[in-house]
Protein backbone atom coordinates (compact mmCIF):
# COMPACT_ATOMS: atom_id res chain seq x y z
CA MET A 1 7.46 5.57 25.00
CA SER A 2 5.37 3.84 27.93
CA ASP A 3 4.55 0.22 28.08
CA ILE A 4 1.21 1.05 27.12
CA GLY A 5 2.57 3.33 23.95
CA ASN A 6 3.86 -0.08 22.52
CA ALA A 7 1.07 -2.24 22.96
CA ARG A 8 0.10 -1.57 19.86
CA LYS A 9 3.52 -3.05 18.62
CA ARG A 10 3.11 -6.15 20.80
CA GLN A 11 -0.10 -6.60 18.87
CA ARG A 12 1.07 -6.83 15.69
CA GLU A 13 2.85 -10.00 14.26
CA ASP A 14 6.22 -10.58 15.86
CA PRO A 15 8.63 -8.74 13.17
CA SER A 16 11.01 -11.81 13.07
CA GLU A 17 7.88 -13.43 11.17
CA CYS A 18 7.78 -10.88 8.12
CA PRO A 19 9.93 -11.86 5.77
CA ARG A 20 12.71 -10.12 5.20
CA ARG A 21 13.37 -9.63 1.86
CA VAL A 22 10.73 -10.61 -0.92
CA SER A 23 11.70 -12.02 -4.01
CA ALA A 24 9.52 -11.24 -7.65
CA ALA A 25 9.22 -15.95 -8.09
CA SER A 26 7.87 -15.92 -4.32
CA LEU A 27 5.62 -13.46 -5.03
CA SER A 28 4.84 -14.70 -8.37
CA ALA A 29 3.50 -17.94 -6.94
CA ILE A 30 0.85 -16.14 -4.46
CA ILE A 31 -0.44 -13.04 -7.30
CA ASN A 32 -3.49 -15.05 -7.78
CA PRO A 33 -3.99 -17.66 -4.57
CA ASP A 34 -6.46 -20.54 -5.04
CA PRO A 35 -7.17 -20.08 -8.42
CA GLU A 36 -10.53 -21.42 -10.46
CA PRO A 37 -9.58 -24.12 -12.74
CA PRO A 38 -10.43 -23.19 -16.33
CA LYS A 39 -13.92 -23.67 -17.79
CA VAL A 40 -13.60 -26.20 -21.20
CA ILE A 41 -16.66 -24.95 -23.72
CA SER A 42 -16.95 -27.61 -25.97
CA SER A 43 -18.75 -26.53 -29.44
CA PRO A 44 -19.28 -28.83 -32.48
CA THR A 45 -17.49 -26.52 -34.71
CA PHE A 46 -14.67 -26.43 -32.76
CA GLN A 47 -14.34 -30.17 -31.89
CA GLN A 48 -10.66 -31.72 -31.77
CA THR A 49 -11.08 -34.37 -34.84
CA GLU A 50 -6.90 -35.19 -34.04
CA ALA A 51 -6.24 -37.48 -31.14
CA ARG A 52 -2.75 -35.55 -31.05
CA PRO A 53 -2.69 -32.15 -29.63
CA PRO A 54 -2.67 -29.03 -31.50
CA SER A 55 0.82 -27.29 -32.41
CA PRO A 56 1.36 -24.58 -29.70
CA VAL A 57 1.13 -21.33 -31.00
CA ARG A 58 3.51 -18.16 -29.85
CA LEU A 59 2.25 -14.74 -30.15
CA GLU A 60 3.47 -11.53 -28.94
CA ALA A 61 2.70 -10.01 -26.45
CA ASN A 62 1.51 -7.27 -28.22
CA ILE A 63 2.61 -5.15 -31.30
CA PHE A 64 5.08 -3.51 -29.15
CA GLY A 65 6.98 -6.58 -27.01
CA THR A 66 5.67 -5.89 -23.73
CA ARG A 67 2.35 -7.15 -21.72
CA PRO A 68 0.71 -3.54 -20.21
CA ALA A 69 -0.02 -3.14 -16.39
CA GLU A 70 -3.68 -4.63 -15.56
CA ASP A 71 -5.25 -0.82 -15.13
CA ILE A 72 -7.24 -1.64 -11.89
CA VAL A 73 -3.52 -3.07 -10.14
CA ARG A 74 -1.86 0.28 -11.85
CA VAL A 75 -4.58 2.63 -10.08
CA VAL A 76 -4.18 0.35 -6.78
CA ALA A 77 -0.84 0.77 -6.93
CA ASP A 78 -0.62 4.78 -7.18
CA PHE A 79 -2.88 4.87 -4.95
CA MET A 80 -0.97 2.54 -2.03
CA TYR A 81 2.38 4.86 -3.47
CA THR A 82 1.21 8.21 -2.85
CA HIS A 83 -0.45 7.60 0.46
CA LEU A 84 2.28 6.04 1.52
CA LYS A 85 4.59 8.43 1.43
CA ASP A 86 6.24 9.45 4.89
CA ARG A 87 3.81 7.14 7.06
CA ALA A 88 4.48 6.05 10.51
CA ASN A 89 2.49 3.21 12.39
CA ILE A 90 0.41 2.49 8.97
CA GLU A 91 -2.55 0.01 8.84
CA ILE A 92 -3.94 -1.11 5.93
CA GLU A 93 -7.08 -2.85 5.53
CA GLY A 94 -8.91 -4.09 2.35
CA LYS A 95 -12.69 -4.58 3.27
CA LEU A 96 -15.32 -6.14 1.49
CA GLY A 97 -18.85 -5.11 2.09
CA ARG A 98 -21.30 -2.90 -0.19
CA LEU A 99 -21.49 0.46 -1.82
CA VAL A 100 -24.61 1.91 -0.60
CA ASP A 101 -26.57 5.06 -2.44
CA LYS A 102 -26.60 7.83 0.96
CA LYS A 103 -30.47 8.61 -0.37
CA THR A 104 -31.96 5.32 -1.06
CA GLY A 105 -30.08 2.72 1.19
CA VAL A 106 -29.40 0.45 -1.98
CA ARG A 107 -26.95 -0.88 -3.55
CA ILE A 108 -25.17 1.12 -6.46
CA SER A 109 -25.90 -0.24 -9.82
CA LEU A 110 -23.34 1.49 -12.41
CA PRO A 111 -23.70 0.84 -16.33
CA VAL A 112 -20.39 -1.04 -16.14
CA LEU A 113 -19.57 -4.76 -16.57
CA SER A 114 -16.50 -4.87 -14.44
CA GLU A 115 -14.69 -3.96 -11.63
CA THR A 116 -14.38 -0.08 -11.23
CA VAL A 117 -12.52 1.90 -9.39
CA LEU A 118 -14.46 5.13 -8.42
CA GLY A 119 -13.10 8.55 -8.48
CA ASP A 120 -16.06 10.53 -7.35
CA ASP A 121 -17.80 8.93 -3.81
CA LYS A 122 -18.93 11.46 -1.92
CA ASN A 123 -23.03 10.67 -2.59
CA LEU A 124 -22.15 7.00 -1.03
CA ARG A 125 -21.20 4.82 1.73
CA PHE A 126 -19.40 1.69 1.86
CA GLU A 127 -21.25 -0.87 4.45
CA SER A 128 -18.57 -3.70 5.65
CA ASN A 129 -21.51 -5.42 7.11
CA MET A 130 -22.41 -8.81 5.82
CA THR A 131 -25.15 -11.46 6.12
CA LEU A 132 -24.75 -14.15 8.79
CA SER A 133 -24.79 -16.99 5.89
CA GLN A 134 -22.27 -14.90 3.82
CA HIS A 135 -20.31 -15.03 7.02
CA ALA A 136 -20.37 -18.57 7.74
CA VAL A 137 -19.67 -19.65 4.04
CA PHE A 138 -16.13 -17.52 4.03
CA ASN A 139 -15.71 -19.56 7.86
CA LYS A 140 -16.04 -22.63 6.22
CA ILE A 141 -13.50 -21.92 2.74
CA LEU A 142 -10.72 -20.15 5.11
CA ASN A 143 -10.84 -23.15 7.48
CA GLN A 144 -10.92 -25.71 4.39
CA ARG A 145 -7.49 -23.19 3.18
CA VAL A 146 -6.03 -24.02 6.99
CA ASP A 147 -6.73 -27.88 6.10
CA GLU A 148 -5.48 -27.66 2.66
CA THR A 149 -2.09 -26.02 3.60
CA ARG A 150 -1.53 -28.53 6.43
CA ARG A 151 -1.51 -31.53 3.85
CA PRO A 152 2.10 -33.06 3.46
CA GLU A 153 1.64 -32.56 -0.98
CA PHE A 154 1.03 -28.84 -0.17
CA ARG A 155 3.97 -26.61 -1.30
CA GLY A 156 3.22 -23.58 -1.02
CA SER A 157 2.62 -20.86 2.15
CA ARG A 158 0.68 -22.46 5.02
CA VAL A 159 -2.14 -20.46 6.72
CA GLU A 160 -2.46 -20.49 9.96
CA TYR A 161 -5.10 -19.75 12.53
CA LYS A 162 -5.96 -17.63 15.30
CA HIS A 163 -9.43 -17.02 17.51
CA THR A 164 -9.16 -14.02 19.29
CA LYS A 165 -11.98 -11.93 21.93
CA GLU A 166 -11.42 -8.60 22.26
CA ILE A 167 -13.18 -5.66 23.74
CA ASP A 168 -12.87 -1.87 22.47
CA HIS A 169 -13.37 0.90 24.61
CA PHE A 170 -13.80 4.16 22.89
CA TYR A 171 -13.37 7.48 25.10
CA LYS A 172 -13.33 11.23 24.25
CA VAL A 173 -9.84 12.74 25.69
CA GLY A 174 -9.34 16.19 24.84
CA GLY A 175 -11.35 16.10 21.73
CA THR A 176 -9.48 12.83 21.11
CA ARG A 177 -11.16 9.73 19.72
CA VAL A 178 -9.09 7.04 21.95
CA ARG A 179 -9.30 3.39 21.43
CA VAL A 180 -8.52 1.03 24.59
CA THR A 181 -8.24 -2.58 23.04
CA THR A 182 -8.57 -5.49 26.20
CA ASP A 183 -8.55 -9.00 25.64
CA LYS A 184 -12.19 -10.11 26.78
CA GLU A 185 -10.74 -13.26 29.42
CA SER A 186 -7.73 -11.81 30.98
CA GLY A 187 -8.62 -7.78 30.84
CA GLU A 188 -5.13 -7.46 29.61
CA VAL A 189 -4.84 -4.29 28.11
CA LEU A 190 -3.88 -4.90 24.11
CA SER A 191 -3.23 -1.57 22.26
CA VAL A 192 -3.94 2.31 23.20
CA ILE A 193 -4.59 4.08 19.78
CA THR A 194 -6.15 7.02 18.02
CA LYS A 195 -6.67 6.26 14.55
CA ASN A 196 -6.71 9.17 12.00
CA ARG A 197 -7.84 8.09 8.37
CA VAL A 198 -5.63 8.88 5.66
CA ALA A 199 -7.46 7.91 2.42
CA ASP A 200 -10.15 5.11 1.27
CA LEU A 201 -10.21 3.77 -2.63
CA ASN A 202 -13.54 2.40 -3.55
CA ILE A 203 -13.86 -0.85 -5.80
CA TYR A 204 -17.21 -1.68 -7.31
CA SER A 205 -17.70 -5.30 -8.45
CA PRO A 206 -20.76 -5.64 -10.71
CA ARG A 207 -20.45 -9.34 -11.32
CA THR A 208 -19.74 -10.43 -7.28
CA LYS A 209 -22.10 -10.23 -4.30
CA LEU A 210 -19.93 -7.87 -2.30
CA ASP A 211 -17.54 -4.49 -3.14
CA ILE A 212 -14.30 -3.45 -1.82
CA ARG A 213 -13.06 -0.67 0.02
CA ILE A 214 -9.26 -0.18 0.64
CA THR A 215 -8.44 2.12 3.93
CA ILE A 216 -4.61 3.26 4.96
CA ASN A 217 -4.92 4.80 8.71
CA GLU A 218 -2.34 6.04 10.60
CA GLU A 219 -2.84 4.69 14.55
CA GLN A 220 -0.87 6.55 16.75
CA PRO A 221 0.35 4.76 20.45
CA MET A 222 -1.47 6.98 23.06
CA GLU A 223 -1.50 6.83 27.03
CA LYS A 224 -4.20 4.76 28.57
CA PRO A 225 -7.01 7.03 29.80
CA ASP A 226 -8.32 7.20 33.41
CA MET A 227 -10.96 4.97 32.54
CA GLU A 228 -12.90 5.58 36.23
CA ALA A 229 -13.07 9.54 35.31
CA ASN A 230 -14.05 9.33 31.67
CA LYS A 231 -17.07 7.18 30.85
CA PRO A 232 -16.71 4.84 27.04
CA ILE A 233 -18.79 6.60 24.16
CA LEU A 234 -18.58 3.56 22.61
CA GLU A 235 -17.99 -0.48 23.28
CA ARG A 236 -17.18 -3.12 20.87
CA HIS A 237 -17.07 -6.86 21.60
CA LYS A 238 -15.16 -8.62 18.41
CA ASP A 239 -14.90 -11.92 18.31
CA ARG A 240 -12.34 -12.89 15.47
CA LEU A 241 -11.14 -15.64 13.37
CA SER A 242 -7.34 -14.75 11.92
CA TYR A 243 -6.55 -16.30 9.23
CA LYS A 244 -2.27 -15.53 8.16
CA GLN A 245 -0.50 -15.76 4.97
CA ASP A 246 2.56 -14.68 4.10
CA LEU A 247 1.99 -10.18 4.34
CA TRP A 248 -1.76 -11.29 4.99
CA SER A 249 -4.07 -11.72 7.85
CA PHE A 250 -7.93 -12.01 6.64
CA ASP A 251 -9.65 -11.36 9.84
CA LEU A 252 -13.37 -12.52 9.73
CA THR A 253 -14.79 -10.86 13.31
CA GLN A 254 -18.15 -10.88 14.51
CA VAL A 255 -18.96 -7.38 16.23
CA VAL A 256 -21.66 -6.69 18.85
CA SER A 257 -21.96 -2.96 19.98
CA PRO A 258 -23.89 -3.38 22.92
CA GLU A 259 -26.68 -1.05 23.97
CA GLN A 260 -25.40 2.48 24.58
CA GLU A 261 -26.85 5.64 25.73
CA LYS A 262 -27.29 8.66 23.86
CA GLY A 263 -25.74 12.01 24.90
CA PRO A 264 -25.13 12.74 28.46
CA ILE A 265 -27.60 11.85 31.06
CA ASN A 266 -30.21 14.38 31.89
CA PRO A 267 -30.55 14.04 35.98
CA TYR A 268 -34.03 15.69 35.66
CA ALA A 269 -35.13 13.86 33.03
CA ILE A 270 -38.62 11.35 33.61
CA GLY A 271 -37.86 7.89 33.02
CA PRO A 272 -35.15 5.75 31.92
CA PRO A 273 -32.16 7.52 29.67
CA LYS A 274 -32.25 7.14 25.95
CA THR A 275 -30.45 4.56 24.13
CA SER A 276 -29.29 2.91 21.10
CA PRO A 277 -30.26 -0.44 20.25
CA ALA A 278 -27.41 -3.57 20.48
CA VAL A 279 -26.14 -4.11 17.03
CA THR A 280 -24.77 -6.83 15.75
CA THR A 281 -22.11 -7.06 12.59
CA HIS A 282 -20.35 -9.63 10.68
CA GLU A 283 -16.57 -8.27 8.55
CA LEU A 284 -14.23 -10.11 6.52
CA GLU A 285 -11.13 -7.75 6.49
CA LEU A 286 -7.55 -8.45 4.84
CA GLU A 287 -5.13 -6.32 6.94
CA VAL A 288 -1.17 -6.14 5.76
CA ALA A 289 0.11 -7.87 8.67
CA CYS A 290 4.07 -6.33 7.84
CA PRO A 291 3.21 -3.06 6.24
CA GLU A 292 6.63 -2.25 6.76
CA VAL A 293 7.57 -4.83 3.39
CA TRP A 294 5.57 -2.72 1.09
CA LEU A 295 6.82 0.63 2.77
CA GLY A 296 10.49 -0.63 2.37
CA GLU A 297 9.38 -1.78 -1.50
CA ARG A 298 7.55 1.69 -1.75
CA ALA A 299 11.28 3.46 -0.70
CA LYS A 300 12.59 1.52 -3.26
CA VAL A 301 10.54 2.56 -6.02
CA ALA A 302 11.19 6.60 -4.97
CA ALA A 303 15.30 5.87 -5.39
CA ASN A 304 14.45 3.86 -8.23
CA LYS A 305 15.98 0.53 -7.39
CA PRO A 306 14.35 -2.72 -8.45
CA ASN A 307 11.54 -3.73 -6.38
CA ASN A 308 8.16 -5.33 -5.72
CA PHE A 309 5.62 -2.67 -5.23
CA HIS A 310 3.96 -3.48 -8.16
CA GLU A 311 3.38 -7.52 -7.05
CA ILE A 312 2.65 -6.93 -3.61
CA THR A 313 -0.24 -4.74 -5.18
CA HIS A 314 -1.37 -7.05 -7.56
CA THR A 315 -1.20 -10.06 -4.37
CA PHE A 316 -3.51 -7.97 -2.37
CA LEU A 317 -5.79 -6.99 -4.81
CA GLY A 318 -6.07 -10.53 -6.03
CA ASN A 319 -6.48 -11.79 -2.88
CA LEU A 320 -9.17 -9.66 -2.22
CA ARG A 321 -11.16 -10.20 -5.51
CA ALA A 322 -10.35 -13.89 -4.93
CA LEU A 323 -12.62 -13.57 -1.84
CA ALA A 324 -14.99 -11.20 -3.17
CA LYS A 325 -15.79 -14.08 -6.28
CA ARG A 326 -16.25 -16.59 -3.40
CA ALA A 327 -19.47 -14.53 -1.70
CA ILE A 328 -23.17 -16.12 -1.89
């Protein structure tokens, strides 16, 4: 494989930073990251009249003695298990945005009161863009977590911060859409890939301002196209703040797509060529920085061995839900 073909791997986190073994104990501490404190409701009818604390009540998980798995986590785990089979160069992302009706352009409203995984979504589209004010709030919250995890008394996994500026150029090469990513300042080529969609899973969240989409893609390394002979069909400038903790990279990105010419240039046309206006979007994605860990746990499930596949799924979804609940 050429140096360019290996660029994608260099762009990812150093494999040495990925945990070689993920224990259930270590995962259980981050299943519900940054939990909100429980709300205490006081009522005259149930006020405590004695100074001593009430005796603890022991309850069975249920009549069968086992606590059932949360249904939404099981659905996501089944989705991941099905679509991660026999995959390489995998990209796993969770995105925050809005599920919008294709006809009206308005966020959907379903007769449900809690998070719901959608099965039939052919009449919907997912808009990963959020408002500038929402973006700013997430920036503040994530910066706070960086500071909190750096305190001497903090005992969990630290959140590491990185700021990058990159440019994506997209080329059509032999019918294949090729993305060339370069460092905006140095011009160094960071990756050359073609991305193939594997599957999406949409989660409608009526109690929050933003919905969730989980995506699985394959990113195949490609040879760098002749950038002088081929004109890019699309260009994107990405200003990204990445917050990494454990297996996860929380990517807060402002994407600017400059003004683009529409279609091939007609040399006989009168006046300037038709163009599409510049567009700026604001996105928040949760990428699995070490997908090989998840793939390894899936292999253990298939081999009927002890594994942490469900725990990793629970933590991944828990991070997305925690972020959605903090959207203004």
